[in-house]
Amino acid sequence: MVKAIIGKKVGMTQIFDENSKVVPVTVIEAGPCVVVYKKTVESDGYDAIQLGYTDVKERKLTKPELGHIKKAKVGAKKYLKEFRLDDISALNVGDELKASIFAEGDKIDITGISRGKGYQGVVKRHGAGRTATSHGGGPVHRHAGSMGSGTDPSRIFKGKMGAGQMGNVQVTVQNLDIVKVDPERNLIAVRGAIPGPRKGIVYLKNTVKN
């Protein structure tokens, strides 16, 4: 069964496994989430559920958001996220999902917004090479350099590496191990690092890899 939940990144720490080896983990506060909306093949062409996470005052939501939430009768939620699942027959609007839906040893994919690193040049942003720092090199050691012929196509193609904003984009890290689950406190410990800052919202789902 495909499982999914919304969580919040708490931070990184380390724990010891049964062989007394240090395991670096990221702790995630996963849920509780509530099913706000349910899509089916008959009504929408595919199966999916929409989860709501974190209570919020009604005045913080727009009227369309509030109307959508009130249909489900689940209380105002700050974050909404749709997950496409293979089998949603066991889930209904109003059901609550907690960290206990996952277990130790599960493989998951985690999606979040990476940390913003501001405006950066091509060396840091794309790993571009740099020129030698010998005499006569000029003040262009970390510049992008030639972008191609000036006659044809007489322009720079879209997507060409260049300076610009780095980070602050959606990133998915696949095939991560769940090392430990604390159902009482809704905490999940995942091996390794995940995208985003502390207190950043992340989305957990069964991995698409085997």
N, C-alpha and C. Protein backbone atom coordinates (compact mmCIF):
# COMPACT_ATOMS: atom_id res chain seq x y z
N MET A 1 0.85 -1.21 0.00
CA MET A 1 0.00 0.00 0.00
C MET A 1 0.88 1.25 0.00
N VAL A 2 0.52 2.19 -0.86
CA VAL A 2 1.26 3.45 -0.91
C VAL A 2 0.83 4.33 0.25
N LYS A 3 1.81 4.90 0.95
CA LYS A 3 1.52 5.75 2.11
C LYS A 3 2.13 7.12 1.90
N ALA A 4 1.49 8.15 2.48
CA ALA A 4 1.98 9.52 2.33
C ALA A 4 1.55 10.34 3.53
N ILE A 5 2.34 11.39 3.82
CA ILE A 5 2.03 12.27 4.94
C ILE A 5 2.82 13.57 4.78
N ILE A 6 2.33 14.63 5.42
CA ILE A 6 3.02 15.92 5.45
C ILE A 6 3.72 16.06 6.79
N GLY A 7 4.91 16.64 6.79
CA GLY A 7 5.66 16.78 8.03
C GLY A 7 6.45 18.07 8.08
N LYS A 8 7.16 18.23 9.18
CA LYS A 8 7.99 19.41 9.40
C LYS A 8 9.39 18.95 9.83
N LYS A 9 10.40 19.50 9.18
CA LYS A 9 11.78 19.14 9.51
C LYS A 9 12.16 19.72 10.87
N VAL A 10 12.55 18.85 11.79
CA VAL A 10 12.94 19.29 13.13
C VAL A 10 14.43 19.63 13.17
N GLY A 11 15.26 18.79 12.56
CA GLY A 11 16.70 19.02 12.55
C GLY A 11 17.44 17.71 12.42
N MET A 12 18.77 17.78 12.48
CA MET A 12 19.60 16.59 12.34
C MET A 12 20.23 16.21 13.68
N THR A 13 20.47 14.92 13.85
CA THR A 13 21.14 14.40 15.03
C THR A 13 21.78 13.08 14.63
N GLN A 14 22.21 12.30 15.61
CA GLN A 14 22.77 10.99 15.31
C GLN A 14 22.32 10.00 16.37
N ILE A 15 22.13 8.77 15.94
CA ILE A 15 21.75 7.70 16.85
C ILE A 15 22.67 6.51 16.60
N PHE A 16 22.63 5.54 17.49
CA PHE A 16 23.47 4.35 17.36
C PHE A 16 22.59 3.16 16.97
N ASP A 17 23.08 2.37 16.01
CA ASP A 17 22.33 1.18 15.62
C ASP A 17 22.68 0.00 16.52
N GLU A 18 22.17 -1.19 16.17
CA GLU A 18 22.40 -2.36 17.02
C GLU A 18 23.86 -2.80 17.05
N ASN A 19 24.65 -2.34 16.06
CA ASN A 19 26.08 -2.66 16.03
C ASN A 19 26.93 -1.54 16.63
N SER A 20 26.28 -0.62 17.33
CA SER A 20 26.94 0.52 17.99
C SER A 20 27.64 1.44 16.99
N LYS A 21 27.13 1.49 15.76
CA LYS A 21 27.67 2.40 14.76
C LYS A 21 26.81 3.67 14.72
N VAL A 22 27.46 4.81 14.53
CA VAL A 22 26.75 6.08 14.48
C VAL A 22 25.99 6.20 13.15
N VAL A 23 24.72 6.57 13.24
CA VAL A 23 23.89 6.78 12.05
C VAL A 23 23.41 8.22 12.04
N PRO A 24 23.82 9.03 11.05
CA PRO A 24 23.30 10.41 10.97
C PRO A 24 21.86 10.39 10.49
N VAL A 25 20.97 11.07 11.21
CA VAL A 25 19.55 11.05 10.86
C VAL A 25 18.97 12.45 10.87
N THR A 26 17.91 12.62 10.10
CA THR A 26 17.10 13.83 10.16
C THR A 26 15.78 13.48 10.83
N VAL A 27 15.40 14.27 11.82
CA VAL A 27 14.16 14.02 12.56
C VAL A 27 13.04 14.85 11.93
N ILE A 28 11.91 14.20 11.65
CA ILE A 28 10.77 14.85 11.02
C ILE A 28 9.54 14.67 11.91
N GLU A 29 8.86 15.77 12.18
CA GLU A 29 7.58 15.69 12.87
C GLU A 29 6.50 15.45 11.82
N ALA A 30 6.05 14.21 11.69
CA ALA A 30 5.15 13.81 10.61
C ALA A 30 3.71 13.74 11.10
N GLY A 31 2.87 14.66 10.62
CA GLY A 31 1.47 14.66 11.02
C GLY A 31 1.27 15.26 12.40
N PRO A 32 0.05 15.08 12.95
CA PRO A 32 -1.08 14.38 12.33
C PRO A 32 -1.68 15.19 11.16
N CYS A 33 -2.07 14.46 10.12
CA CYS A 33 -2.71 15.06 8.96
C CYS A 33 -4.13 14.51 8.85
N VAL A 34 -4.99 15.27 8.21
CA VAL A 34 -6.37 14.85 8.03
C VAL A 34 -6.70 14.86 6.54
N VAL A 35 -7.51 13.89 6.12
CA VAL A 35 -7.92 13.81 4.72
C VAL A 35 -8.99 14.87 4.47
N VAL A 36 -8.67 15.84 3.62
CA VAL A 36 -9.56 16.97 3.33
C VAL A 36 -10.42 16.70 2.11
N TYR A 37 -9.85 15.97 1.13
CA TYR A 37 -10.56 15.74 -0.13
C TYR A 37 -10.12 14.41 -0.71
N LYS A 38 -11.01 13.79 -1.44
CA LYS A 38 -10.72 12.47 -2.02
C LYS A 38 -11.11 12.49 -3.50
N LYS A 39 -10.18 12.13 -4.36
CA LYS A 39 -10.45 12.06 -5.79
C LYS A 39 -10.48 10.59 -6.23
N THR A 40 -11.38 10.28 -7.14
CA THR A 40 -11.51 8.91 -7.64
C THR A 40 -11.44 8.90 -9.16
N VAL A 41 -11.25 7.72 -9.71
CA VAL A 41 -11.20 7.58 -11.17
C VAL A 41 -12.52 8.01 -11.79
N GLU A 42 -13.63 7.69 -11.12
CA GLU A 42 -14.95 8.02 -11.67
C GLU A 42 -15.17 9.53 -11.75
N SER A 43 -14.75 10.27 -10.73
CA SER A 43 -15.03 11.71 -10.69
C SER A 43 -13.93 12.57 -11.28
N ASP A 44 -12.66 12.14 -11.15
CA ASP A 44 -11.54 12.99 -11.56
C ASP A 44 -10.57 12.33 -12.54
N GLY A 45 -10.75 11.04 -12.81
CA GLY A 45 -9.88 10.35 -13.75
C GLY A 45 -8.68 9.69 -13.13
N TYR A 46 -8.47 9.90 -11.81
CA TYR A 46 -7.36 9.24 -11.12
C TYR A 46 -7.66 9.22 -9.63
N ASP A 47 -6.96 8.36 -8.91
CA ASP A 47 -7.15 8.24 -7.46
C ASP A 47 -6.13 9.11 -6.73
N ALA A 48 -6.61 9.91 -5.79
CA ALA A 48 -5.71 10.77 -5.00
C ALA A 48 -6.44 11.22 -3.75
N ILE A 49 -5.65 11.61 -2.76
CA ILE A 49 -6.21 12.23 -1.55
C ILE A 49 -5.49 13.56 -1.32
N GLN A 50 -6.21 14.48 -0.71
CA GLN A 50 -5.60 15.76 -0.32
C GLN A 50 -5.53 15.79 1.19
N LEU A 51 -4.32 16.02 1.71
CA LEU A 51 -4.11 16.05 3.15
C LEU A 51 -3.97 17.50 3.63
N GLY A 52 -4.47 17.75 4.83
CA GLY A 52 -4.32 19.04 5.47
C GLY A 52 -3.43 18.90 6.70
N TYR A 53 -2.59 19.90 6.94
CA TYR A 53 -1.62 19.83 8.04
C TYR A 53 -1.52 21.19 8.73
N THR A 54 -1.46 21.19 10.04
CA THR A 54 -1.29 22.36 10.90
C THR A 54 -2.56 23.22 10.96
N ASP A 55 -3.12 23.30 12.16
CA ASP A 55 -4.30 24.13 12.38
C ASP A 55 -3.94 25.61 12.24
N VAL A 56 -4.89 26.39 11.74
CA VAL A 56 -4.67 27.82 11.54
C VAL A 56 -6.00 28.53 11.75
N LYS A 57 -5.95 29.81 12.11
CA LYS A 57 -7.17 30.58 12.28
C LYS A 57 -7.87 30.78 10.93
N GLU A 58 -9.19 30.76 10.95
CA GLU A 58 -9.95 30.88 9.71
C GLU A 58 -9.67 32.18 8.99
N ARG A 59 -9.41 33.26 9.74
CA ARG A 59 -9.17 34.56 9.09
C ARG A 59 -7.87 34.58 8.29
N LYS A 60 -7.02 33.57 8.48
CA LYS A 60 -5.76 33.50 7.74
C LYS A 60 -5.95 32.92 6.33
N LEU A 61 -7.13 32.35 6.06
CA LEU A 61 -7.38 31.69 4.78
C LEU A 61 -8.22 32.58 3.87
N THR A 62 -8.09 32.36 2.58
CA THR A 62 -8.95 33.06 1.62
C THR A 62 -10.34 32.41 1.63
N LYS A 63 -11.31 33.09 1.07
CA LYS A 63 -12.68 32.55 1.05
C LYS A 63 -12.77 31.23 0.26
N PRO A 64 -12.11 31.11 -0.90
CA PRO A 64 -12.14 29.82 -1.60
C PRO A 64 -11.53 28.70 -0.77
N GLU A 65 -10.41 28.98 -0.11
CA GLU A 65 -9.78 27.96 0.74
C GLU A 65 -10.69 27.56 1.88
N LEU A 66 -11.32 28.56 2.50
CA LEU A 66 -12.20 28.29 3.64
C LEU A 66 -13.42 27.48 3.22
N GLY A 67 -13.99 27.82 2.06
CA GLY A 67 -15.14 27.07 1.56
C GLY A 67 -14.78 25.62 1.27
N HIS A 68 -13.58 25.42 0.72
CA HIS A 68 -13.10 24.07 0.41
C HIS A 68 -12.92 23.26 1.69
N ILE A 69 -12.35 23.89 2.72
CA ILE A 69 -12.11 23.21 3.99
C ILE A 69 -13.43 22.90 4.70
N LYS A 70 -14.38 23.84 4.67
CA LYS A 70 -15.63 23.65 5.41
C LYS A 70 -16.47 22.51 4.84
N LYS A 71 -16.30 22.22 3.55
CA LYS A 71 -17.01 21.07 2.98
C LYS A 71 -16.57 19.77 3.65
N ALA A 72 -15.30 19.72 4.01
CA ALA A 72 -14.77 18.50 4.65
C ALA A 72 -15.06 18.45 6.14
N LYS A 73 -15.40 19.61 6.74
CA LYS A 73 -15.70 19.69 8.17
C LYS A 73 -14.55 19.18 9.03
N VAL A 74 -13.33 19.65 8.71
CA VAL A 74 -12.14 19.17 9.42
C VAL A 74 -11.40 20.30 10.14
N GLY A 75 -11.90 21.53 10.07
CA GLY A 75 -11.20 22.65 10.68
C GLY A 75 -10.19 23.25 9.71
N ALA A 76 -9.87 24.51 9.91
CA ALA A 76 -8.96 25.23 9.01
C ALA A 76 -7.54 24.65 9.09
N LYS A 77 -6.94 24.44 7.92
CA LYS A 77 -5.59 23.88 7.84
C LYS A 77 -4.70 24.83 7.03
N LYS A 78 -3.45 24.96 7.48
CA LYS A 78 -2.52 25.89 6.84
C LYS A 78 -1.94 25.32 5.56
N TYR A 79 -1.63 24.03 5.55
CA TYR A 79 -0.98 23.42 4.39
C TYR A 79 -1.88 22.33 3.80
N LEU A 80 -2.02 22.34 2.48
CA LEU A 80 -2.76 21.31 1.76
C LEU A 80 -1.84 20.71 0.71
N LYS A 81 -1.92 19.39 0.55
CA LYS A 81 -1.07 18.73 -0.44
C LYS A 81 -1.79 17.49 -0.96
N GLU A 82 -1.78 17.36 -2.28
CA GLU A 82 -2.42 16.20 -2.91
C GLU A 82 -1.39 15.10 -3.18
N PHE A 83 -1.76 13.87 -2.88
CA PHE A 83 -0.92 12.71 -3.15
C PHE A 83 -1.70 11.72 -4.02
N ARG A 84 -1.09 11.32 -5.13
CA ARG A 84 -1.71 10.30 -5.98
C ARG A 84 -1.32 8.93 -5.44
N LEU A 85 -2.33 8.14 -5.10
CA LEU A 85 -2.10 6.82 -4.51
C LEU A 85 -2.80 5.76 -5.35
N ASP A 86 -2.28 4.52 -5.27
CA ASP A 86 -2.85 3.42 -6.05
C ASP A 86 -4.18 2.96 -5.49
N ASP A 87 -4.28 2.91 -4.17
CA ASP A 87 -5.49 2.38 -3.53
C ASP A 87 -5.90 3.31 -2.39
N ILE A 88 -7.04 3.97 -2.55
CA ILE A 88 -7.52 4.89 -1.51
C ILE A 88 -8.86 4.42 -0.94
N SER A 89 -9.20 3.17 -1.20
CA SER A 89 -10.50 2.67 -0.76
C SER A 89 -10.63 2.67 0.76
N ALA A 90 -9.50 2.53 1.47
CA ALA A 90 -9.56 2.47 2.94
C ALA A 90 -9.58 3.86 3.57
N LEU A 91 -9.41 4.92 2.76
CA LEU A 91 -9.35 6.28 3.30
C LEU A 91 -10.61 7.06 2.96
N ASN A 92 -11.06 7.87 3.90
CA ASN A 92 -12.24 8.71 3.68
C ASN A 92 -11.96 10.11 4.22
N VAL A 93 -12.75 11.08 3.75
CA VAL A 93 -12.61 12.46 4.22
C VAL A 93 -12.82 12.49 5.73
N GLY A 94 -11.90 13.15 6.44
CA GLY A 94 -11.98 13.23 7.89
C GLY A 94 -11.05 12.27 8.60
N ASP A 95 -10.52 11.26 7.88
CA ASP A 95 -9.59 10.30 8.51
C ASP A 95 -8.29 11.01 8.88
N GLU A 96 -7.70 10.60 9.98
CA GLU A 96 -6.46 11.19 10.46
C GLU A 96 -5.29 10.24 10.21
N LEU A 97 -4.20 10.78 9.67
CA LEU A 97 -2.99 9.99 9.41
C LEU A 97 -1.88 10.49 10.33
N LYS A 98 -1.19 9.54 10.95
CA LYS A 98 -0.11 9.88 11.86
C LYS A 98 1.18 9.19 11.41
N ALA A 99 2.26 9.48 12.13
CA ALA A 99 3.56 8.91 11.78
C ALA A 99 3.55 7.39 11.83
N SER A 100 2.62 6.81 12.56
CA SER A 100 2.57 5.35 12.73
C SER A 100 2.22 4.61 11.44
N ILE A 101 1.81 5.34 10.38
CA ILE A 101 1.54 4.64 9.11
C ILE A 101 2.84 4.12 8.50
N PHE A 102 3.98 4.69 8.91
CA PHE A 102 5.28 4.21 8.44
C PHE A 102 5.92 3.35 9.53
N ALA A 103 6.86 2.51 9.12
CA ALA A 103 7.54 1.62 10.05
C ALA A 103 9.03 1.63 9.78
N GLU A 104 9.81 1.20 10.74
CA GLU A 104 11.26 1.11 10.56
C GLU A 104 11.58 0.20 9.38
N GLY A 105 12.52 0.64 8.55
CA GLY A 105 12.90 -0.14 7.38
C GLY A 105 12.20 0.27 6.10
N ASP A 106 11.13 1.09 6.20
CA ASP A 106 10.45 1.55 4.99
C ASP A 106 11.37 2.46 4.17
N LYS A 107 11.19 2.42 2.86
CA LYS A 107 11.92 3.31 1.95
C LYS A 107 10.96 4.41 1.48
N ILE A 108 11.40 5.66 1.59
CA ILE A 108 10.52 6.77 1.24
C ILE A 108 11.24 7.80 0.38
N ASP A 109 10.44 8.60 -0.32
CA ASP A 109 10.93 9.78 -1.03
C ASP A 109 10.46 11.01 -0.25
N ILE A 110 11.33 12.01 -0.12
CA ILE A 110 10.99 13.22 0.62
C ILE A 110 11.17 14.43 -0.29
N THR A 111 10.13 15.26 -0.35
CA THR A 111 10.14 16.46 -1.18
C THR A 111 10.06 17.69 -0.28
N GLY A 112 10.89 18.69 -0.58
CA GLY A 112 10.86 19.94 0.18
C GLY A 112 11.46 21.07 -0.65
N ILE A 113 11.41 22.27 -0.11
CA ILE A 113 12.01 23.44 -0.76
C ILE A 113 13.41 23.62 -0.21
N SER A 114 14.41 23.59 -1.09
CA SER A 114 15.80 23.68 -0.64
C SER A 114 16.09 25.05 -0.06
N ARG A 115 17.14 25.12 0.74
CA ARG A 115 17.52 26.38 1.37
C ARG A 115 18.01 27.37 0.32
N GLY A 116 17.55 28.61 0.41
CA GLY A 116 17.98 29.64 -0.53
C GLY A 116 19.41 30.09 -0.23
N LYS A 117 20.22 30.23 -1.27
CA LYS A 117 21.62 30.62 -1.09
C LYS A 117 21.92 31.97 -1.75
N GLY A 118 20.86 32.68 -2.15
CA GLY A 118 21.07 34.01 -2.71
C GLY A 118 21.59 33.99 -4.14
N TYR A 119 22.07 35.15 -4.60
CA TYR A 119 22.58 35.30 -5.96
C TYR A 119 24.02 34.80 -6.00
N GLN A 120 24.28 33.81 -6.86
CA GLN A 120 25.61 33.21 -6.93
C GLN A 120 26.11 33.18 -8.37
N GLY A 121 27.42 33.09 -8.52
CA GLY A 121 28.03 33.02 -9.85
C GLY A 121 28.05 31.61 -10.39
N VAL A 122 28.62 31.46 -11.59
CA VAL A 122 28.58 30.15 -12.27
C VAL A 122 29.48 29.11 -11.60
N VAL A 123 30.53 29.54 -10.93
CA VAL A 123 31.43 28.57 -10.30
C VAL A 123 30.72 27.86 -9.15
N LYS A 124 30.08 28.63 -8.29
CA LYS A 124 29.37 28.02 -7.16
C LYS A 124 28.05 27.39 -7.58
N ARG A 125 27.35 28.05 -8.51
CA ARG A 125 26.01 27.61 -8.87
C ARG A 125 26.01 26.38 -9.77
N HIS A 126 26.96 26.32 -10.70
CA HIS A 126 26.97 25.23 -11.68
C HIS A 126 28.26 24.42 -11.69
N GLY A 127 29.23 24.78 -10.86
CA GLY A 127 30.48 24.04 -10.85
C GLY A 127 31.34 24.33 -12.07
N ALA A 128 31.22 25.53 -12.62
CA ALA A 128 32.01 25.88 -13.81
C ALA A 128 33.49 25.99 -13.46
N GLY A 129 34.33 25.82 -14.48
CA GLY A 129 35.76 25.97 -14.28
C GLY A 129 36.14 27.44 -14.15
N ARG A 130 37.36 27.69 -13.76
CA ARG A 130 37.83 29.06 -13.63
C ARG A 130 39.17 29.18 -14.34
N THR A 131 39.56 30.40 -14.69
CA THR A 131 40.81 30.59 -15.42
C THR A 131 41.99 30.60 -14.45
N ALA A 132 43.18 30.47 -15.01
CA ALA A 132 44.40 30.47 -14.20
C ALA A 132 44.60 31.84 -13.56
N THR A 133 45.22 31.85 -12.40
CA THR A 133 45.42 33.12 -11.68
C THR A 133 46.82 33.69 -11.93
N SER A 134 47.40 33.35 -13.09
CA SER A 134 48.72 33.89 -13.43
C SER A 134 48.59 35.36 -13.87
N HIS A 135 49.73 36.01 -14.17
CA HIS A 135 49.73 37.42 -14.55
C HIS A 135 48.99 37.60 -15.87
N GLY A 136 48.25 38.67 -15.96
CA GLY A 136 47.54 38.98 -17.20
C GLY A 136 46.20 38.30 -17.32
N GLY A 137 45.78 37.58 -16.29
CA GLY A 137 44.50 36.89 -16.37
C GLY A 137 43.31 37.83 -16.34
N GLY A 138 43.54 39.02 -15.78
CA GLY A 138 42.44 39.98 -15.74
C GLY A 138 41.43 39.64 -14.65
N PRO A 139 40.44 40.51 -14.47
CA PRO A 139 39.46 40.30 -13.40
C PRO A 139 38.31 39.40 -13.83
N VAL A 140 38.64 38.30 -14.51
CA VAL A 140 37.57 37.45 -15.05
C VAL A 140 37.77 35.98 -14.63
N HIS A 141 38.45 35.76 -13.50
CA HIS A 141 38.79 34.39 -13.13
C HIS A 141 37.55 33.51 -12.89
N ARG A 142 36.48 34.12 -12.43
CA ARG A 142 35.28 33.33 -12.10
C ARG A 142 34.09 33.71 -12.99
N HIS A 143 34.38 34.29 -14.17
CA HIS A 143 33.29 34.66 -15.08
C HIS A 143 32.87 33.46 -15.92
N ALA A 144 31.70 33.61 -16.58
CA ALA A 144 31.14 32.49 -17.34
C ALA A 144 31.94 32.20 -18.59
N GLY A 145 32.57 33.21 -19.18
CA GLY A 145 33.33 32.97 -20.41
C GLY A 145 32.45 32.97 -21.64
N SER A 146 32.98 32.42 -22.74
CA SER A 146 32.28 32.43 -24.01
C SER A 146 31.00 31.61 -23.94
N MET A 147 29.94 32.12 -24.56
CA MET A 147 28.66 31.42 -24.60
C MET A 147 28.38 30.81 -25.98
N GLY A 148 29.35 30.88 -26.90
CA GLY A 148 29.12 30.30 -28.22
C GLY A 148 29.25 31.33 -29.31
N SER A 149 28.93 30.92 -30.51
CA SER A 149 29.09 31.76 -31.70
C SER A 149 28.20 33.00 -31.63
N GLY A 150 28.73 34.13 -32.12
CA GLY A 150 27.96 35.38 -32.12
C GLY A 150 27.13 35.54 -33.37
N THR A 151 27.50 34.88 -34.49
CA THR A 151 26.78 35.05 -35.76
C THR A 151 25.53 34.17 -35.81
N ASP A 152 25.69 32.93 -35.48
CA ASP A 152 24.56 32.00 -35.49
C ASP A 152 24.63 31.14 -34.24
N PRO A 153 23.69 31.16 -33.31
CA PRO A 153 22.31 31.68 -33.45
C PRO A 153 22.13 33.15 -33.05
N SER A 154 23.21 33.88 -32.80
CA SER A 154 23.12 35.30 -32.46
C SER A 154 22.35 35.56 -31.17
N ARG A 155 22.31 34.59 -30.31
CA ARG A 155 21.63 34.76 -29.02
C ARG A 155 22.11 33.63 -28.11
N ILE A 156 21.73 33.71 -26.85
CA ILE A 156 22.06 32.65 -25.89
C ILE A 156 20.82 31.80 -25.67
N PHE A 157 20.96 30.49 -25.80
CA PHE A 157 19.83 29.60 -25.61
C PHE A 157 19.33 29.63 -24.17
N LYS A 158 18.02 29.42 -24.01
CA LYS A 158 17.45 29.32 -22.67
C LYS A 158 18.03 28.11 -21.95
N GLY A 159 18.25 28.27 -20.64
CA GLY A 159 18.78 27.16 -19.87
C GLY A 159 20.29 27.12 -19.80
N LYS A 160 20.95 28.01 -20.53
CA LYS A 160 22.40 28.06 -20.49
C LYS A 160 22.85 28.45 -19.07
N MET A 161 23.90 27.79 -18.59
CA MET A 161 24.31 28.07 -17.22
C MET A 161 24.77 29.51 -17.09
N GLY A 162 24.36 30.14 -16.01
CA GLY A 162 24.72 31.53 -15.78
C GLY A 162 24.57 31.86 -14.31
N ALA A 163 24.93 33.07 -13.95
CA ALA A 163 24.75 33.51 -12.58
C ALA A 163 23.27 33.73 -12.30
N GLY A 164 22.88 33.63 -11.05
CA GLY A 164 21.48 33.84 -10.70
C GLY A 164 21.18 33.31 -9.31
N GLN A 165 19.88 33.30 -8.98
CA GLN A 165 19.48 32.82 -7.66
C GLN A 165 19.77 31.33 -7.54
N MET A 166 20.34 30.94 -6.40
CA MET A 166 20.69 29.54 -6.15
C MET A 166 19.86 29.02 -4.99
N GLY A 167 19.33 27.84 -5.13
CA GLY A 167 18.50 27.25 -4.09
C GLY A 167 17.07 27.76 -4.16
N ASN A 168 16.31 27.51 -3.09
CA ASN A 168 14.91 27.91 -3.00
C ASN A 168 14.08 27.31 -4.13
N VAL A 169 14.34 26.02 -4.44
CA VAL A 169 13.58 25.29 -5.45
C VAL A 169 13.13 23.97 -4.85
N GLN A 170 12.12 23.37 -5.47
CA GLN A 170 11.62 22.08 -4.97
C GLN A 170 12.61 20.97 -5.29
N VAL A 171 12.95 20.19 -4.28
CA VAL A 171 13.91 19.10 -4.44
C VAL A 171 13.31 17.83 -3.85
N THR A 172 13.50 16.70 -4.54
CA THR A 172 13.06 15.41 -4.02
C THR A 172 14.27 14.50 -3.85
N VAL A 173 14.42 13.96 -2.65
CA VAL A 173 15.48 12.99 -2.36
C VAL A 173 14.82 11.61 -2.27
N GLN A 174 15.30 10.68 -3.08
CA GLN A 174 14.63 9.39 -3.21
C GLN A 174 15.31 8.29 -2.39
N ASN A 175 14.50 7.28 -2.06
CA ASN A 175 14.99 6.02 -1.53
C ASN A 175 15.73 6.18 -0.20
N LEU A 176 15.15 6.94 0.73
CA LEU A 176 15.75 7.12 2.05
C LEU A 176 15.20 6.07 3.02
N ASP A 177 16.04 5.64 3.96
CA ASP A 177 15.64 4.64 4.95
C ASP A 177 15.01 5.32 6.16
N ILE A 178 13.93 4.74 6.64
CA ILE A 178 13.39 5.14 7.94
C ILE A 178 14.10 4.31 9.01
N VAL A 179 14.82 5.01 9.90
CA VAL A 179 15.62 4.33 10.92
C VAL A 179 14.79 4.07 12.17
N LYS A 180 13.93 5.04 12.52
CA LYS A 180 13.16 4.90 13.75
C LYS A 180 11.86 5.68 13.63
N VAL A 181 10.80 5.14 14.27
CA VAL A 181 9.50 5.81 14.32
C VAL A 181 9.05 5.90 15.77
N ASP A 182 8.66 7.12 16.19
CA ASP A 182 8.12 7.33 17.54
C ASP A 182 6.65 7.74 17.38
N PRO A 183 5.71 6.76 17.42
CA PRO A 183 4.30 7.08 17.17
C PRO A 183 3.68 7.98 18.21
N GLU A 184 4.18 7.96 19.45
CA GLU A 184 3.60 8.78 20.51
C GLU A 184 3.84 10.27 20.27
N ARG A 185 5.02 10.60 19.75
CA ARG A 185 5.36 12.01 19.51
C ARG A 185 5.30 12.37 18.02
N ASN A 186 4.85 11.43 17.19
CA ASN A 186 4.74 11.65 15.74
C ASN A 186 6.08 12.04 15.12
N LEU A 187 7.14 11.35 15.52
CA LEU A 187 8.47 11.65 14.99
C LEU A 187 8.97 10.48 14.13
N ILE A 188 9.63 10.84 13.04
CA ILE A 188 10.25 9.85 12.15
C ILE A 188 11.71 10.26 11.97
N ALA A 189 12.62 9.30 12.17
CA ALA A 189 14.06 9.54 11.95
C ALA A 189 14.46 8.89 10.63
N VAL A 190 15.00 9.69 9.73
CA VAL A 190 15.38 9.23 8.39
C VAL A 190 16.89 9.31 8.24
N ARG A 191 17.48 8.26 7.67
CA ARG A 191 18.93 8.25 7.48
C ARG A 191 19.35 9.32 6.47
N GLY A 192 20.33 10.16 6.88
CA GLY A 192 20.87 11.15 5.98
C GLY A 192 20.16 12.49 6.04
N ALA A 193 20.46 13.34 5.06
CA ALA A 193 19.95 14.71 5.02
C ALA A 193 18.76 14.80 4.08
N ILE A 194 17.90 15.79 4.34
CA ILE A 194 16.75 16.06 3.47
C ILE A 194 16.74 17.56 3.15
N PRO A 195 16.04 17.95 2.08
CA PRO A 195 16.07 19.37 1.69
C PRO A 195 15.31 20.26 2.66
N GLY A 196 15.72 21.54 2.71
CA GLY A 196 14.98 22.55 3.45
C GLY A 196 15.63 22.93 4.76
N PRO A 197 15.21 24.06 5.32
CA PRO A 197 15.71 24.52 6.61
C PRO A 197 14.96 23.84 7.75
N ARG A 198 15.40 24.07 8.98
CA ARG A 198 14.64 23.61 10.13
C ARG A 198 13.26 24.26 10.13
N LYS A 199 12.26 23.52 10.51
CA LYS A 199 10.84 23.93 10.53
C LYS A 199 10.27 24.03 9.12
N GLY A 200 11.04 23.59 8.09
CA GLY A 200 10.52 23.60 6.73
C GLY A 200 9.54 22.46 6.51
N ILE A 201 8.53 22.69 5.66
CA ILE A 201 7.52 21.67 5.38
C ILE A 201 8.07 20.68 4.36
N VAL A 202 7.87 19.39 4.63
CA VAL A 202 8.32 18.34 3.72
C VAL A 202 7.18 17.35 3.50
N TYR A 203 7.24 16.66 2.36
CA TYR A 203 6.22 15.69 2.00
C TYR A 203 6.85 14.30 1.88
N LEU A 204 6.31 13.34 2.61
CA LEU A 204 6.85 11.99 2.65
C LEU A 204 5.92 11.04 1.90
N LYS A 205 6.51 10.15 1.11
CA LYS A 205 5.72 9.19 0.34
C LYS A 205 6.57 7.96 0.08
N ASN A 206 5.92 6.80 -0.09
CA ASN A 206 6.65 5.59 -0.44
C ASN A 206 7.53 5.85 -1.66
N THR A 207 8.71 5.27 -1.67
CA THR A 207 9.63 5.51 -2.78
C THR A 207 9.11 4.92 -4.09
N VAL A 208 9.44 5.60 -5.20
CA VAL A 208 9.07 5.08 -6.51
C VAL A 208 10.09 4.07 -7.01
N LYS A 209 11.21 3.97 -6.29
CA LYS A 209 12.25 3.01 -6.67
C LYS A 209 12.02 1.69 -5.94
N ASN A 210 12.50 0.61 -6.53
CA ASN A 210 12.39 -0.71 -5.89
C ASN A 210 13.67 -0.97 -5.12
